[in-house]
PDB file of N, CA and C in Angstrom:
ATOM      1  N   UNK A   1      75.225  94.748  95.634  1.00  0.00           N
ATOM      2  CA  UNK A   1      76.063  94.735  96.810  1.00  0.00           C
ATOM      3  C   UNK A   1      76.339  93.307  97.263  1.00  0.00           C
ATOM      4  N   UNK A   2      75.339  92.431  97.116  1.00  0.00           N
ATOM      5  CA  UNK A   2      75.509  91.040  97.539  1.00  0.00           C
ATOM      6  C   UNK A   2      76.628  90.365  96.760  1.00  0.00           C
ATOM      7  N   UNK A   3      76.754  90.663  95.464  1.00  0.00           N
ATOM      8  CA  UNK A   3      77.784  90.056  94.639  1.00  0.00           C
ATOM      9  C   UNK A   3      79.189  90.467  95.062  1.00  0.00           C
ATOM     10  N   UNK A   4      79.320  91.644  95.665  1.00  0.00           N
ATOM     11  CA  UNK A   4      80.631  92.113  96.110  1.00  0.00           C
ATOM     12  C   UNK A   4      81.230  91.215  97.180  1.00  0.00           C
ATOM     13  N   UNK A   5      80.413  90.577  97.965  1.00  0.00           N
ATOM     14  CA  UNK A   5      80.912  89.724  99.043  1.00  0.00           C
ATOM     15  C   UNK A   5      81.611  88.477  98.517  1.00  0.00           C
ATOM     16  N   UNK A   6      81.408  88.155  97.263  1.00  0.00           N
ATOM     17  CA  UNK A   6      82.010  86.959  96.682  1.00  0.00           C
ATOM     18  C   UNK A   6      83.329  87.245  95.970  1.00  0.00           C
ATOM     19  N   UNK A   7      83.817  88.459  96.049  1.00  0.00           N
ATOM     20  CA  UNK A   7      85.094  88.800  95.414  1.00  0.00           C
ATOM     21  C   UNK A   7      86.239  88.097  96.136  1.00  0.00           C
ATOM     22  N   UNK A   8      87.231  87.656  95.383  1.00  0.00           N
ATOM     23  CA  UNK A   8      88.403  87.051  96.014  1.00  0.00           C
ATOM     24  C   UNK A   8      89.181  88.094  96.828  1.00  0.00           C
ATOM     25  N   UNK A   9      89.888  87.613  97.834  1.00  0.00           N
ATOM     26  CA  UNK A   9      90.667  88.491  98.698  1.00  0.00           C
ATOM     27  C   UNK A   9      91.668  89.315  97.889  1.00  0.00           C
ATOM     28  N   UNK A  10      92.254  88.706  96.865  1.00  0.00           N
ATOM     29  CA  UNK A  10      93.229  89.413  96.031  1.00  0.00           C
ATOM     30  C   UNK A  10      92.612  90.669  95.421  1.00  0.00           C
ATOM     31  N   UNK A  11      91.376  90.571  94.941  1.00  0.00           N
ATOM     32  CA  UNK A  11      90.699  91.732  94.353  1.00  0.00           C
ATOM     33  C   UNK A  11      90.462  92.815  95.394  1.00  0.00           C
ATOM     34  N   UNK A  12      90.045  92.414  96.597  1.00  0.00           N
ATOM     35  CA  UNK A  12      89.816  93.385  97.666  1.00  0.00           C
ATOM     36  C   UNK A  12      91.113  94.106  98.020  1.00  0.00           C
ATOM     37  N   UNK A  13      92.210  93.366  98.083  1.00  0.00           N
ATOM     38  CA  UNK A  13      93.498  93.978  98.406  1.00  0.00           C
ATOM     39  C   UNK A  13      93.937  94.950  97.317  1.00  0.00           C
ATOM     40  N   UNK A  14      93.682  94.602  96.054  1.00  0.00           N
ATOM     41  CA  UNK A  14      94.033  95.505  94.958  1.00  0.00           C
ATOM     42  C   UNK A  14      93.213  96.791  95.026  1.00  0.00           C
ATOM     43  N   UNK A  15      91.935  96.671  95.323  1.00  0.00           N
ATOM     44  CA  UNK A  15      91.081  97.855  95.453  1.00  0.00           C
ATOM     45  C   UNK A  15      91.560  98.708  96.627  1.00  0.00           C
ATOM     46  N   UNK A  16      91.852  98.053  97.740  1.00  0.00           N
ATOM     47  CA  UNK A  16      92.312  98.750  98.940  1.00  0.00           C
ATOM     48  C   UNK A  16      93.639  99.460  98.681  1.00  0.00           C
ATOM     49  N   UNK A  17      94.539  98.815  97.943  1.00  0.00           N
ATOM     50  CA  UNK A  17      95.864  99.385  97.663  1.00  0.00           C
ATOM     51  C   UNK A  17      95.782 100.593  96.734  1.00  0.00           C
ATOM     52  N   UNK A  18      94.680 100.775  96.034  1.00  0.00           N
ATOM     53  CA  UNK A  18      94.528 101.922  95.143  1.00  0.00           C
ATOM     54  C   UNK A  18      94.106 103.185  95.889  1.00  0.00           C
ATOM     55  N   UNK A  19      93.782 103.065  97.161  1.00  0.00           N
ATOM     56  CA  UNK A  19      93.421 104.242  97.942  1.00  0.00           C
ATOM     57  C   UNK A  19      94.626 105.180  98.015  1.00  0.00           C
ATOM     58  N   UNK A  20      94.443 106.463  97.707  1.00  0.00           N
ATOM     59  CA  UNK A  20      95.576 107.402  97.681  1.00  0.00           C
ATOM     60  C   UNK A  20      96.352 107.462  98.995  1.00  0.00           C
ATOM     61  N   UNK A  21      95.654 107.424 100.124  1.00  0.00           N
ATOM     62  CA  UNK A  21      96.336 107.498 101.409  1.00  0.00           C
ATOM     63  C   UNK A  21      97.197 106.262 101.643  1.00  0.00           C
ATOM     64  N   UNK A  22      96.681 105.105 101.303  1.00  0.00           N
ATOM     65  CA  UNK A  22      97.431 103.870 101.507  1.00  0.00           C
ATOM     66  C   UNK A  22      98.619 103.799 100.553  1.00  0.00           C
ATOM     67  N   UNK A  23      98.413 104.193  99.307  1.00  0.00           N
ATOM     68  CA  UNK A  23      99.526 104.186  98.344  1.00  0.00           C
ATOM     69  C   UNK A  23     100.650 105.091  98.819  1.00  0.00           C
ATOM     70  N   UNK A  24     100.310 106.264  99.333  1.00  0.00           N
ATOM     71  CA  UNK A  24     101.343 107.184  99.826  1.00  0.00           C
ATOM     72  C   UNK A  24     102.113 106.554 100.978  1.00  0.00           C
ATOM     73  N   UNK A  25     101.422 105.885 101.882  1.00  0.00           N
ATOM     74  CA  UNK A  25     102.096 105.227 103.014  1.00  0.00           C
ATOM     75  C   UNK A  25     102.980 104.083 102.529  1.00  0.00           C
ATOM     76  N   UNK A  26     102.470 103.287 101.603  1.00  0.00           N
ATOM     77  CA  UNK A  26     103.267 102.184 101.060  1.00  0.00           C
ATOM     78  C   UNK A  26     104.510 102.712 100.349  1.00  0.00           C
ATOM     79  N   UNK A  27     104.336 103.764  99.561  1.00  0.00           N
ATOM     80  CA  UNK A  27     105.469 104.336  98.840  1.00  0.00           C
ATOM     81  C   UNK A  27     106.464 104.989  99.795  1.00  0.00           C
ATOM     82  N   UNK A  28     105.972 105.633 100.843  1.00  0.00           N
ATOM     83  CA  UNK A  28     106.889 106.232 101.812  1.00  0.00           C
ATOM     84  C   UNK A  28     107.769 105.152 102.439  1.00  0.00           C
ATOM     85  N   UNK A  29     107.175 104.043 102.807  1.00  0.00           N
ATOM     86  CA  UNK A  29     107.936 102.931 103.381  1.00  0.00           C
ATOM     87  C   UNK A  29     108.947 102.399 102.380  1.00  0.00           C
ATOM     88  N   UNK A  30     108.543 102.246 101.134  1.00  0.00           N
ATOM     89  CA  UNK A  30     109.473 101.758 100.101  1.00  0.00           C
ATOM     90  C   UNK A  30     110.628 102.732  99.888  1.00  0.00           C
ATOM     91  N   UNK A  31     110.332 104.026  99.875  1.00  0.00           N
ATOM     92  CA  UNK A  31     111.382 105.030  99.680  1.00  0.00           C
ATOM     93  C   UNK A  31     112.354 105.013 100.854  1.00  0.00           C
ATOM     94  N   UNK A  32     111.830 104.914 102.074  1.00  0.00           N
ATOM     95  CA  UNK A  32     112.702 104.848 103.249  1.00  0.00           C
ATOM     96  C   UNK A  32     113.647 103.652 103.155  1.00  0.00           C
ATOM     97  N   UNK A  33     113.126 102.527 102.708  1.00  0.00           N
ATOM     98  CA  UNK A  33     113.946 101.316 102.611  1.00  0.00           C
ATOM     99  C   UNK A  33     114.977 101.406 101.489  1.00  0.00           C
ATOM    100  N   UNK A  34     114.655 102.081 100.395  1.00  0.00           N
ATOM    101  CA  UNK A  34     115.593 102.156  99.264  1.00  0.00           C
ATOM    102  C   UNK A  34     116.544 103.345  99.362  1.00  0.00           C
ATOM    103  N   UNK A  35     116.355 104.227 100.340  1.00  0.00           N
ATOM    104  CA  UNK A  35     117.117 105.466 100.425  1.00  0.00           C
ATOM    105  C   UNK A  35     118.629 105.227 100.503  1.00  0.00           C
ATOM    106  N   UNK A  36     119.073 104.279 101.318  1.00  0.00           N
ATOM    107  CA  UNK A  36     120.509 103.992 101.436  1.00  0.00           C
ATOM    108  C   UNK A  36     121.061 103.524 100.098  1.00  0.00           C
ATOM    109  N   UNK A  37     120.318 102.664  99.414  1.00  0.00           N
ATOM    110  CA  UNK A  37     120.741 102.179  98.091  1.00  0.00           C
ATOM    111  C   UNK A  37     120.846 103.314  97.079  1.00  0.00           C
ATOM    112  N   UNK A  38     119.857 104.191  97.083  1.00  0.00           N
ATOM    113  CA  UNK A  38     119.813 105.276  96.103  1.00  0.00           C
ATOM    114  C   UNK A  38     120.879 106.340  96.357  1.00  0.00           C
ATOM    115  N   UNK A  39     121.046 106.735  97.612  1.00  0.00           N
ATOM    116  CA  UNK A  39     121.872 107.894  97.923  1.00  0.00           C
ATOM    117  C   UNK A  39     123.191 107.551  98.612  1.00  0.00           C
ATOM    118  N   UNK A  40     123.338 106.327  99.072  1.00  0.00           N
ATOM    119  CA  UNK A  40     124.577 105.934  99.736  1.00  0.00           C
ATOM    120  C   UNK A  40     124.518 106.168 101.239  1.00  0.00           C
ATOM    121  N   UNK A  41     125.467 105.576 101.968  1.00  0.00           N
ATOM    122  CA  UNK A  41     125.432 105.636 103.436  1.00  0.00           C
ATOM    123  C   UNK A  41     125.695 107.031 104.013  1.00  0.00           C
ATOM    124  N   UNK A  42     126.498 107.848 103.346  1.00  0.00           N
ATOM    125  CA  UNK A  42     126.810 109.177 103.892  1.00  0.00           C
ATOM    126  C   UNK A  42     125.570 110.066 103.872  1.00  0.00           C
ATOM    127  N   UNK A  43     124.943 110.166 102.703  1.00  0.00           N
ATOM    128  CA  UNK A  43     123.747 111.013 102.591  1.00  0.00           C
ATOM    129  C   UNK A  43     122.624 110.462 103.456  1.00  0.00           C
ATOM    130  N   UNK A  44     122.438 109.161 103.455  1.00  0.00           N
ATOM    131  CA  UNK A  44     121.365 108.598 104.282  1.00  0.00           C
ATOM    132  C   UNK A  44     121.657 108.802 105.766  1.00  0.00           C
ATOM    133  N   UNK A  45     122.937 108.865 106.131  1.00  0.00           N
ATOM    134  CA  UNK A  45     123.298 109.126 107.522  1.00  0.00           C
ATOM    135  C   UNK A  45     122.917 110.527 107.978  1.00  0.00           C
ATOM    136  N   UNK A  46     122.915 111.479 107.056  1.00  0.00           N
ATOM    137  CA  UNK A  46     122.529 112.852 107.375  1.00  0.00           C
ATOM    138  C   UNK A  46     121.038 113.107 107.166  1.00  0.00           C
ATOM    139  N   UNK A  47     120.328 112.108 106.710  1.00  0.00           N
ATOM    140  CA  UNK A  47     118.887 112.245 106.491  1.00  0.00           C
ATOM    141  C   UNK A  47     118.167 111.933 107.795  1.00  0.00           C
ATOM    142  N   UNK A  48     117.520 112.938 108.362  1.00  0.00           N
ATOM    143  CA  UNK A  48     116.808 112.754 109.620  1.00  0.00           C
ATOM    144  C   UNK A  48     115.470 112.051 109.415  1.00  0.00           C
ATOM    145  N   UNK A  49     114.795 112.424 108.337  1.00  0.00           N
ATOM    146  CA  UNK A  49     113.450 111.879 108.110  1.00  0.00           C
ATOM    147  C   UNK A  49     113.084 112.022 106.646  1.00  0.00           C
ATOM    148  N   UNK A  50     112.276 111.097 106.181  1.00  0.00           N
ATOM    149  CA  UNK A  50     111.721 111.136 104.827  1.00  0.00           C
ATOM    150  C   UNK A  50     110.210 111.060 104.981  1.00  0.00           C
ATOM    151  N   UNK A  51     109.507 111.942 104.279  1.00  0.00           N
ATOM    152  CA  UNK A  51     108.052 111.939 104.385  1.00  0.00           C
ATOM    153  C   UNK A  51     107.447 112.224 103.018  1.00  0.00           C
ATOM    154  N   UNK A  52     106.356 111.547 102.724  1.00  0.00           N
ATOM    155  CA  UNK A  52     105.573 111.862 101.528  1.00  0.00           C
ATOM    156  C   UNK A  52     104.351 112.651 101.962  1.00  0.00           C
ATOM    157  N   UNK A  53     104.194 113.828 101.406  1.00  0.00           N
ATOM    158  CA  UNK A  53     103.019 114.651 101.661  1.00  0.00           C
ATOM    159  C   UNK A  53     102.258 114.729 100.347  1.00  0.00           C
ATOM    160  N   UNK A  54     101.324 113.822 100.176  1.00  0.00           N
ATOM    161  CA  UNK A  54     100.668 113.686  98.877  1.00  0.00           C
ATOM    162  C   UNK A  54     101.665 113.108  97.900  1.00  0.00           C
ATOM    163  N   UNK A  55     101.985 113.873  96.875  1.00  0.00           N
ATOM    164  CA  UNK A  55     102.968 113.441  95.872  1.00  0.00           C
ATOM    165  C   UNK A  55     104.296 114.189  96.019  1.00  0.00           C
ATOM    166  N   UNK A  56     104.459 114.883  97.138  1.00  0.00           N
ATOM    167  CA  UNK A  56     105.676 115.663  97.387  1.00  0.00           C
ATOM    168  C   UNK A  56     106.558 114.903  98.376  1.00  0.00           C
ATOM    169  N   UNK A  57     107.802 114.657  97.981  1.00  0.00           N
ATOM    170  CA  UNK A  57     108.770 113.974  98.835  1.00  0.00           C
ATOM    171  C   UNK A  57     109.517 115.023  99.649  1.00  0.00           C
ATOM    172  N   UNK A  58     109.381 114.934 100.975  1.00  0.00           N
ATOM    173  CA  UNK A  58     110.051 115.861 101.883  1.00  0.00           C
ATOM    174  C   UNK A  58     111.257 115.164 102.485  1.00  0.00           C
ATOM    175  N   UNK A  59     112.427 115.776 102.344  1.00  0.00           N
ATOM    176  CA  UNK A  59     113.667 115.226 102.882  1.00  0.00           C
ATOM    177  C   UNK A  59     114.171 116.159 103.972  1.00  0.00           C
ATOM    178  N   UNK A  60     114.271 115.655 105.186  1.00  0.00           N
ATOM    179  CA  UNK A  60     114.763 116.438 106.315  1.00  0.00           C
ATOM    180  C   UNK A  60     116.235 116.094 106.510  1.00  0.00           C
ATOM    181  N   UNK A  61     117.102 117.055 106.193  1.00  0.00           N
ATOM    182  CA  UNK A  61     118.551 116.850 106.183  1.00  0.00           C
ATOM    183  C   UNK A  61     119.170 117.724 107.272  1.00  0.00           C
ATOM    184  N   UNK A  62     120.120 117.156 108.043  1.00  0.00           N
ATOM    185  CA  UNK A  62     120.696 117.914 109.155  1.00  0.00           C
ATOM    186  C   UNK A  62     121.920 118.749 108.781  1.00  0.00           C
ATOM    187  N   UNK A  63     122.528 118.540 107.643  1.00  0.00           N
ATOM    188  CA  UNK A  63     123.716 119.292 107.225  1.00  0.00           C
ATOM    189  C   UNK A  63     123.320 120.361 106.205  1.00  0.00           C
ATOM    190  N   UNK A  64     123.658 121.620 106.503  1.00  0.00           N
ATOM    191  CA  UNK A  64     123.269 122.705 105.591  1.00  0.00           C
ATOM    192  C   UNK A  64     123.981 122.606 104.242  1.00  0.00           C
ATOM    193  N   UNK A  65     125.235 122.172 104.243  1.00  0.00           N
ATOM    194  CA  UNK A  65     125.933 122.041 102.958  1.00  0.00           C
ATOM    195  C   UNK A  65     125.335 120.910 102.124  1.00  0.00           C
ATOM    196  N   UNK A  66     124.935 119.825 102.781  1.00  0.00           N
ATOM    197  CA  UNK A  66     124.291 118.724 102.066  1.00  0.00           C
ATOM    198  C   UNK A  66     122.914 119.146 101.557  1.00  0.00           C
ATOM    199  N   UNK A  67     122.205 119.966 102.333  1.00  0.00           N
ATOM    200  CA  UNK A  67     120.912 120.492 101.875  1.00  0.00           C
ATOM    201  C   UNK A  67     121.088 121.230 100.553  1.00  0.00           C
ATOM    202  N   UNK A  68     122.139 122.042 100.477  1.00  0.00           N
ATOM    203  CA  UNK A  68     122.393 122.804  99.247  1.00  0.00           C
ATOM    204  C   UNK A  68     122.650 121.878  98.066  1.00  0.00           C
ATOM    205  N   UNK A  69     123.470 120.858  98.289  1.00  0.00           N
ATOM    206  CA  UNK A  69     123.771 119.909  97.208  1.00  0.00           C
ATOM    207  C   UNK A  69     122.524 119.163  96.764  1.00  0.00           C
ATOM    208  N   UNK A  70     121.743 118.687  97.733  1.00  0.00           N
ATOM    209  CA  UNK A  70     120.540 117.921  97.390  1.00  0.00           C
ATOM    210  C   UNK A  70     119.491 118.800  96.725  1.00  0.00           C
ATOM    211  N   UNK A  71     119.449 120.068  97.088  1.00  0.00           N
ATOM    212  CA  UNK A  71     118.513 120.992  96.444  1.00  0.00           C
ATOM    213  C   UNK A  71     118.820 121.091  94.953  1.00  0.00           C
ATOM    214  N   UNK A  72     120.096 121.110  94.622  1.00  0.00           N
ATOM    215  CA  UNK A  72     120.501 121.143  93.214  1.00  0.00           C
ATOM    216  C   UNK A  72     120.115 119.840  92.510  1.00  0.00           C
ATOM    217  N   UNK A  73     120.124 118.730  93.247  1.00  0.00           N
ATOM    218  CA  UNK A  73     119.864 117.398  92.674  1.00  0.00           C
ATOM    219  C   UNK A  73     118.401 116.967  92.756  1.00  0.00           C
ATOM    220  N   UNK A  74     117.491 117.872  93.135  1.00  0.00           N
ATOM    221  CA  UNK A  74     116.092 117.487  93.373  1.00  0.00           C
ATOM    222  C   UNK A  74     115.462 116.730  92.206  1.00  0.00           C
ATOM    223  N   UNK A  75     115.672 117.204  91.005  1.00  0.00           N
ATOM    224  CA  UNK A  75     115.052 116.558  89.841  1.00  0.00           C
ATOM    225  C   UNK A  75     115.629 115.161  89.625  1.00  0.00           C
ATOM    226  N   UNK A  76     116.924 115.007  89.833  1.00  0.00           N
ATOM    227  CA  UNK A  76     117.547 113.676  89.709  1.00  0.00           C
ATOM    228  C   UNK A  76     117.009 112.721  90.768  1.00  0.00           C
ATOM    229  N   UNK A  77     116.836 113.217  91.985  1.00  0.00           N
ATOM    230  CA  UNK A  77     116.296 112.390  93.071  1.00  0.00           C
ATOM    231  C   UNK A  77     114.883 111.945  92.720  1.00  0.00           C
ATOM    232  N   UNK A  78     114.078 112.891  92.239  1.00  0.00           N
ATOM    233  CA  UNK A  78     112.691 112.564  91.865  1.00  0.00           C
ATOM    234  C   UNK A  78     112.671 111.476  90.795  1.00  0.00           C
ATOM    235  N   UNK A  79     113.525 111.610  89.794  1.00  0.00           N
ATOM    236  CA  UNK A  79     113.593 110.628  88.713  1.00  0.00           C
ATOM    237  C   UNK A  79     114.016 109.259  89.235  1.00  0.00           C
ATOM    238  N   UNK A  80     115.047 109.219  90.066  1.00  0.00           N
ATOM    239  CA  UNK A  80     115.520 107.944  90.632  1.00  0.00           C
ATOM    240  C   UNK A  80     114.434 107.250  91.447  1.00  0.00           C
ATOM    241  N   UNK A  81     113.773 108.018  92.303  1.00  0.00           N
ATOM    242  CA  UNK A  81     112.727 107.447  93.159  1.00  0.00           C
ATOM    243  C   UNK A  81     111.583 106.914  92.304  1.00  0.00           C
ATOM    244  N   UNK A  82     111.130 107.704  91.335  1.00  0.00           N
ATOM    245  CA  UNK A  82     110.022 107.263  90.484  1.00  0.00           C
ATOM    246  C   UNK A  82     110.385 106.027  89.670  1.00  0.00           C
ATOM    247  N   UNK A  83     111.628 105.947  89.199  1.00  0.00           N
ATOM    248  CA  UNK A  83     112.052 104.746  88.470  1.00  0.00           C
ATOM    249  C   UNK A  83     111.957 103.516  89.362  1.00  0.00           C
ATOM    250  N   UNK A  84     112.375 103.647  90.607  1.00  0.00           N
ATOM    251  CA  UNK A  84     112.330 102.513  91.534  1.00  0.00           C
ATOM    252  C   UNK A  84     110.900 102.153  91.930  1.00  0.00           C
ATOM    253  N   UNK A  85     110.021 103.159  92.002  1.00  0.00           N
ATOM    254  CA  UNK A  85     108.618 102.890  92.329  1.00  0.00           C
ATOM    255  C   UNK A  85     107.872 102.292  91.141  1.00  0.00           C
ATOM    256  N   UNK A  86     108.383 102.525  89.937  1.00  0.00           N
ATOM    257  CA  UNK A  86     107.738 101.993  88.744  1.00  0.00           C
ATOM    258  C   UNK A  86     106.636 102.867  88.188  1.00  0.00           C
ATOM    259  N   UNK A  87     106.524 104.084  88.688  1.00  0.00           N
ATOM    260  CA  UNK A  87     105.536 105.035  88.166  1.00  0.00           C
ATOM    261  C   UNK A  87     105.938 106.447  88.582  1.00  0.00           C
ATOM    262  N   UNK A  88     105.368 107.438  87.915  1.00  0.00           N
ATOM    263  CA  UNK A  88     105.652 108.837  88.252  1.00  0.00           C
ATOM    264  C   UNK A  88     104.751 109.280  89.397  1.00  0.00           C
ATOM    265  N   UNK A  89     105.046 108.807  90.590  1.00  0.00           N
ATOM    266  CA  UNK A  89     104.229 109.145  91.758  1.00  0.00           C
ATOM    267  C   UNK A  89     104.698 110.446  92.399  1.00  0.00           C
ATOM    268  N   UNK A  90     106.004 110.597  92.577  1.00  0.00           N
ATOM    269  CA  UNK A  90     106.562 111.795  93.210  1.00  0.00           C
ATOM    270  C   UNK A  90     106.640 112.902  92.159  1.00  0.00           C
ATOM    271  N   UNK A  91     105.975 114.021  92.439  1.00  0.00           N
ATOM    272  CA  UNK A  91     105.964 115.135  91.493  1.00  0.00           C
ATOM    273  C   UNK A  91     106.948 116.233  91.872  1.00  0.00           C
ATOM    274  N   UNK A  92     107.360 116.239  93.134  1.00  0.00           N
ATOM    275  CA  UNK A  92     108.263 117.295  93.610  1.00  0.00           C
ATOM    276  C   UNK A  92     109.081 116.764  94.781  1.00  0.00           C
ATOM    277  N   UNK A  93     110.307 117.267  94.909  1.00  0.00           N
ATOM    278  CA  UNK A  93     111.165 116.946  96.050  1.00  0.00           C
ATOM    279  C   UNK A  93     111.498 118.256  96.746  1.00  0.00           C
ATOM    280  N   UNK A  94     111.309 118.282  98.059  1.00  0.00           N
ATOM    281  CA  UNK A  94     111.680 119.454  98.859  1.00  0.00           C
ATOM    282  C   UNK A  94     112.718 119.022  99.881  1.00  0.00           C
ATOM    283  N   UNK A  95     113.799 119.772  99.957  1.00  0.00           N
ATOM    284  CA  UNK A  95     114.873 119.485 100.907  1.00  0.00           C
ATOM    285  C   UNK A  95     114.745 120.485 102.046  1.00  0.00           C
ATOM    286  N   UNK A  96     114.514 119.972 103.243  1.00  0.00           N
ATOM    287  CA  UNK A  96     114.278 120.830 104.416  1.00  0.00           C
ATOM    288  C   UNK A  96     115.334 120.602 105.482  1.00  0.00           C
TER     289      UNK A  96
END
C-alpha cells in the first residue's frame, strides 16, 4: 500500500477514469457535445435530453414523427456514436 502513494498523478487519473460510473458520465458528456455534429441542427433541436444508462443510450425526442424515424435508425446511431467514442461502449439505443 505504501508504494501506491508514489504513483504519478497520470496513473491515478487513468485508474480513476476506468471506473464504469465515471466512464459513463464522461461518454454522456462527449455524446451530448457531438450530437449536433452527428445528427444535425434539426434533429438536435428536437432532442430534449440524452442520457446513458449503463451502456444504453436513451434519446428523449419531442416529435413523434422524428421518434419513428430515429427508431428505424437506432443501429446506425449506435455505430456512429461508438465510432466517435473510439470503442463499442453503447450497446443499445432507445428512442423515447
